[in-house]
Structure formats: structure tokens, C-alpha cells
Amino acid sequence: MWDIHRRVNLEVLPPRRVVVRFDFRGVPAAMRCPRTWWLVLERPEVDLCLKEPGFPDDIVVTADLRALICVWMGDVRLAETIRAGLIRLDGPPSLVRAFPSWLTLSAFAGVERVGGAVAAGPA
């Protein structure tokens, strides 16, 4: 989430603050990290929060962790994971439509990995 927060495309954000809540499924029990995160998108900054930021959620992203990682790494398109039910976006239609343009992929998305792409399905 830290890298995702650092790669938000500020130029295409709406003029008002938008709060995006990420709820993750499929997080291994051994991972002792939060299952819910918030991005507060407000030009010129993006904040990543581990606790509710005090503003209402505009978009809720419910995602299988592995699927979001595959999208972030450029192995699969966001639209494919949405169609497969691995990622769900809830919120006003105009914000949901715009959401994919706010996030740029990982800087490593174009780098070929040994063994090829990892499937976006659950483990």
C-alpha cells in the first residue's frame, strides 16, 4: 500500500478530497498487517492511513490481496479482476469510473519476471 500511495497520479484526481478504503480478503493469517487501509486523495498530497481518517469513504475497494498485487505489478488488468469478482469497487459511478486512472502501476510492472506472471486467483 505504501508504494501504491506514492504512485497516485495527482494530475487526474478530482478537485475535491476523495477517501478510498481498501478492505483485503485472502491475507495470510501469518501476516500481521491491517486488513483495512485508507487513501486520502487531496491535491497536492496523498495520505495513507491505517486508521479511519475521520472523513466518509467515497470509494470502497474490496479486494483479494493476491489479485490487487497482480494488478499493481501489471500482470493482469483491473477490469479482468473486477469481472472475475476478485476486486469490487463501490461508490458513486463517476468516482468508480475514474478510479483506475488515479493509480499508476508499480515501477516494476514492465520488468519481465522469471517464471512469468502469477495468476490473479485465490491461492
C-alpha atoms as a PDB file:
ATOM      1  CA  MET A   1       0.000   0.000   0.000  1.00  0.00           C
ATOM      2  CA  TRP A   2       2.906   2.340   0.662  1.00  0.00           C
ATOM      3  CA  ASP A   3       4.063   2.079  -2.959  1.00  0.00           C
ATOM      4  CA  ILE A   4       0.509   2.449  -4.273  1.00  0.00           C
ATOM      5  CA  HIS A   5       0.118   5.624  -2.226  1.00  0.00           C
ATOM      6  CA  ARG A   6       3.370   7.005  -3.666  1.00  0.00           C
ATOM      7  CA  ARG A   7       2.282   6.399  -7.264  1.00  0.00           C
ATOM      8  CA  VAL A   8      -1.115   8.116  -7.344  1.00  0.00           C
ATOM      9  CA  ASN A   9      -1.492  10.308 -10.430  1.00  0.00           C
ATOM     10  CA  LEU A  10      -2.230  13.656  -8.772  1.00  0.00           C
ATOM     11  CA  GLU A  11      -2.930  15.373 -12.084  1.00  0.00           C
ATOM     12  CA  VAL A  12      -6.119  13.389 -12.749  1.00  0.00           C
ATOM     13  CA  LEU A  13      -7.627  13.467  -9.258  1.00  0.00           C
ATOM     14  CA  PRO A  14     -10.941  15.252  -8.781  1.00  0.00           C
ATOM     15  CA  PRO A  15     -10.675  18.781  -7.406  1.00  0.00           C
ATOM     16  CA  ARG A  16     -12.183  17.709  -4.063  1.00  0.00           C
ATOM     17  CA  ARG A  17     -10.831  15.296  -1.450  1.00  0.00           C
ATOM     18  CA  VAL A  18     -11.645  11.634  -2.102  1.00  0.00           C
ATOM     19  CA  VAL A  19     -11.294   8.899   0.502  1.00  0.00           C
ATOM     20  CA  VAL A  20     -10.699   5.355  -0.754  1.00  0.00           C
ATOM     21  CA  ARG A  21     -10.992   2.479   1.717  1.00  0.00           C
ATOM     22  CA  PHE A  22      -9.297  -0.814   0.855  1.00  0.00           C
ATOM     23  CA  ASP A  23     -10.661  -3.964   2.522  1.00  0.00           C
ATOM     24  CA  PHE A  24      -8.497  -7.015   1.804  1.00  0.00           C
ATOM     25  CA  ARG A  25      -9.511 -10.663   1.678  1.00  0.00           C
ATOM     26  CA  GLY A  26      -7.113 -13.556   1.329  1.00  0.00           C
ATOM     27  CA  VAL A  27      -4.481 -12.118   3.643  1.00  0.00           C
ATOM     28  CA  PRO A  28      -2.434 -14.993   5.076  1.00  0.00           C
ATOM     29  CA  ALA A  29      -3.020 -15.426   8.817  1.00  0.00           C
ATOM     30  CA  ALA A  30       0.733 -15.245   9.387  1.00  0.00           C
ATOM     31  CA  MET A  31       0.796 -11.672   8.018  1.00  0.00           C
ATOM     32  CA  ARG A  32       0.344  -9.364  10.943  1.00  0.00           C
ATOM     33  CA  CYS A  33      -0.742  -6.325   8.994  1.00  0.00           C
ATOM     34  CA  PRO A  34      -4.005  -4.394   8.784  1.00  0.00           C
ATOM     35  CA  ARG A  35      -6.751  -5.777   6.561  1.00  0.00           C
ATOM     36  CA  THR A  36      -8.167  -2.269   6.003  1.00  0.00           C
ATOM     37  CA  TRP A  37      -6.298   0.806   4.731  1.00  0.00           C
ATOM     38  CA  TRP A  38      -7.385   4.256   3.571  1.00  0.00           C
ATOM     39  CA  LEU A  39      -6.014   6.575   0.926  1.00  0.00           C
ATOM     40  CA  VAL A  40      -6.960  10.215   1.376  1.00  0.00           C
ATOM     41  CA  LEU A  41      -6.531  11.747  -2.061  1.00  0.00           C
ATOM     42  CA  GLU A  42      -6.372  15.512  -1.937  1.00  0.00           C
ATOM     43  CA  ARG A  43      -4.101  17.592  -4.087  1.00  0.00           C
ATOM     44  CA  PRO A  44      -1.228  18.161  -3.658  1.00  0.00           C
ATOM     45  CA  GLU A  45      -0.837  15.202  -1.279  1.00  0.00           C
ATOM     46  CA  VAL A  46      -1.934  11.636  -0.775  1.00  0.00           C
ATOM     47  CA  ASP A  47      -2.125  10.242   2.731  1.00  0.00           C
ATOM     48  CA  LEU A  48      -2.089   6.562   3.622  1.00  0.00           C
ATOM     49  CA  CYS A  49      -3.944   5.782   6.837  1.00  0.00           C
ATOM     50  CA  LEU A  50      -4.014   2.668   8.988  1.00  0.00           C
ATOM     51  CA  LYS A  51      -6.943   4.036  10.979  1.00  0.00           C
ATOM     52  CA  GLU A  52     -10.171   5.620   9.803  1.00  0.00           C
ATOM     53  CA  PRO A  53      -9.138   9.144   8.731  1.00  0.00           C
ATOM     54  CA  GLY A  54     -12.255  10.919  10.018  1.00  0.00           C
ATOM     55  CA  PHE A  55     -13.766  11.564   6.590  1.00  0.00           C
ATOM     56  CA  PRO A  56     -16.510   9.498   4.956  1.00  0.00           C
ATOM     57  CA  ASP A  57     -15.438   6.833   2.457  1.00  0.00           C
ATOM     58  CA  ASP A  58     -16.115   7.806  -1.156  1.00  0.00           C
ATOM     59  CA  ILE A  59     -14.973   4.527  -2.699  1.00  0.00           C
ATOM     60  CA  VAL A  60     -14.616   1.120  -1.079  1.00  0.00           C
ATOM     61  CA  VAL A  61     -12.265  -1.326  -2.767  1.00  0.00           C
ATOM     62  CA  THR A  62     -12.868  -4.886  -1.610  1.00  0.00           C
ATOM     63  CA  ALA A  63     -10.049  -6.976  -2.983  1.00  0.00           C
ATOM     64  CA  ASP A  64      -8.383 -10.322  -2.856  1.00  0.00           C
ATOM     65  CA  LEU A  65      -4.841  -9.382  -1.838  1.00  0.00           C
ATOM     66  CA  ARG A  66      -3.181 -11.519  -4.499  1.00  0.00           C
ATOM     67  CA  ALA A  67      -5.415 -10.050  -7.217  1.00  0.00           C
ATOM     68  CA  LEU A  68      -4.529  -6.485  -6.267  1.00  0.00           C
ATOM     69  CA  ILE A  69      -0.843  -7.357  -6.248  1.00  0.00           C
ATOM     70  CA  CYS A  70      -1.185  -8.848  -9.741  1.00  0.00           C
ATOM     71  CA  VAL A  71      -2.896  -5.677 -10.972  1.00  0.00           C
ATOM     72  CA  TRP A  72      -0.262  -3.486  -9.312  1.00  0.00           C
ATOM     73  CA  MET A  73       2.534  -5.488 -10.930  1.00  0.00           C
ATOM     74  CA  GLY A  74       0.914  -5.220 -14.367  1.00  0.00           C
ATOM     75  CA  ASP A  75       0.283  -8.967 -14.669  1.00  0.00           C
ATOM     76  CA  VAL A  76      -3.475  -8.577 -15.100  1.00  0.00           C
ATOM     77  CA  ARG A  77      -5.816  -5.686 -15.879  1.00  0.00           C
ATOM     78  CA  LEU A  78      -8.026  -4.257 -13.153  1.00  0.00           C
ATOM     79  CA  ALA A  79     -11.107  -4.778 -15.342  1.00  0.00           C
ATOM     80  CA  GLU A  80     -10.338  -8.518 -15.554  1.00  0.00           C
ATOM     81  CA  THR A  81     -10.161  -8.891 -11.778  1.00  0.00           C
ATOM     82  CA  ILE A  82     -13.406  -6.966 -11.398  1.00  0.00           C
ATOM     83  CA  ARG A  83     -15.149  -9.232 -13.926  1.00  0.00           C
ATOM     84  CA  ALA A  84     -13.775 -12.280 -12.080  1.00  0.00           C
ATOM     85  CA  GLY A  85     -15.149 -10.978  -8.773  1.00  0.00           C
ATOM     86  CA  LEU A  86     -11.696 -10.695  -7.212  1.00  0.00           C
ATOM     87  CA  ILE A  87     -11.882  -6.920  -6.835  1.00  0.00           C
ATOM     88  CA  ARG A  88     -15.002  -4.861  -6.264  1.00  0.00           C
ATOM     89  CA  LEU A  89     -15.342  -1.072  -6.392  1.00  0.00           C
ATOM     90  CA  ASP A  90     -18.285   0.548  -4.610  1.00  0.00           C
ATOM     91  CA  GLY A  91     -19.106   4.236  -4.651  1.00  0.00           C
ATOM     92  CA  PRO A  92     -20.586   6.920  -6.870  1.00  0.00           C
ATOM     93  CA  PRO A  93     -20.376   5.756 -10.515  1.00  0.00           C
ATOM     94  CA  SER A  94     -18.363   8.801 -11.617  1.00  0.00           C
ATOM     95  CA  LEU A  95     -15.676   8.131  -8.998  1.00  0.00           C
ATOM     96  CA  VAL A  96     -15.642   4.375  -9.626  1.00  0.00           C
ATOM     97  CA  ARG A  97     -15.151   5.009 -13.365  1.00  0.00           C
ATOM     98  CA  ALA A  98     -12.315   7.456 -12.684  1.00  0.00           C
ATOM     99  CA  PHE A  99     -10.559   5.348 -10.029  1.00  0.00           C
ATOM    100  CA  PRO A 100      -8.370   3.263 -12.404  1.00  0.00           C
ATOM    101  CA  SER A 101      -6.838   6.435 -13.858  1.00  0.00           C
ATOM    102  CA  TRP A 102      -5.714   7.617 -10.413  1.00  0.00           C
ATOM    103  CA  LEU A 103      -3.391   4.678  -9.799  1.00  0.00           C
ATOM    104  CA  THR A 104      -0.287   4.095 -11.829  1.00  0.00           C
ATOM    105  CA  LEU A 105       1.300   0.669 -11.867  1.00  0.00           C
ATOM    106  CA  SER A 106       4.391  -0.338  -9.950  1.00  0.00           C
ATOM    107  CA  ALA A 107       7.683   0.919 -11.349  1.00  0.00           C
ATOM    108  CA  PHE A 108       8.487  -2.782 -11.815  1.00  0.00           C
ATOM    109  CA  ALA A 109       5.334  -3.583 -13.802  1.00  0.00           C
ATOM    110  CA  GLY A 110       7.175  -3.617 -17.116  1.00  0.00           C
ATOM    111  CA  VAL A 111      10.013  -5.783 -15.855  1.00  0.00           C
ATOM    112  CA  GLU A 112       9.852  -9.372 -17.040  1.00  0.00           C
ATOM    113  CA  ARG A 113       9.884 -11.786 -14.118  1.00  0.00           C
ATOM    114  CA  VAL A 114      11.419 -15.238 -14.095  1.00  0.00           C
ATOM    115  CA  GLY A 115       8.678 -17.845 -14.364  1.00  0.00           C
ATOM    116  CA  GLY A 116       6.165 -15.474 -15.951  1.00  0.00           C
ATOM    117  CA  ALA A 117       3.097 -13.814 -14.473  1.00  0.00           C
ATOM    118  CA  VAL A 118       1.333 -15.117 -11.401  1.00  0.00           C
ATOM    119  CA  ALA A 119      -2.379 -15.904 -11.717  1.00  0.00           C
ATOM    120  CA  ALA A 120      -4.719 -13.474 -10.000  1.00  0.00           C
ATOM    121  CA  GLY A 121      -6.964 -16.126  -8.486  1.00  0.00           C
ATOM    122  CA  PRO A 122      -7.096 -17.110  -4.838  1.00  0.00           C
ATOM    123  CA  ALA A 123      -4.285 -19.307  -3.531  1.00  0.00           C
END
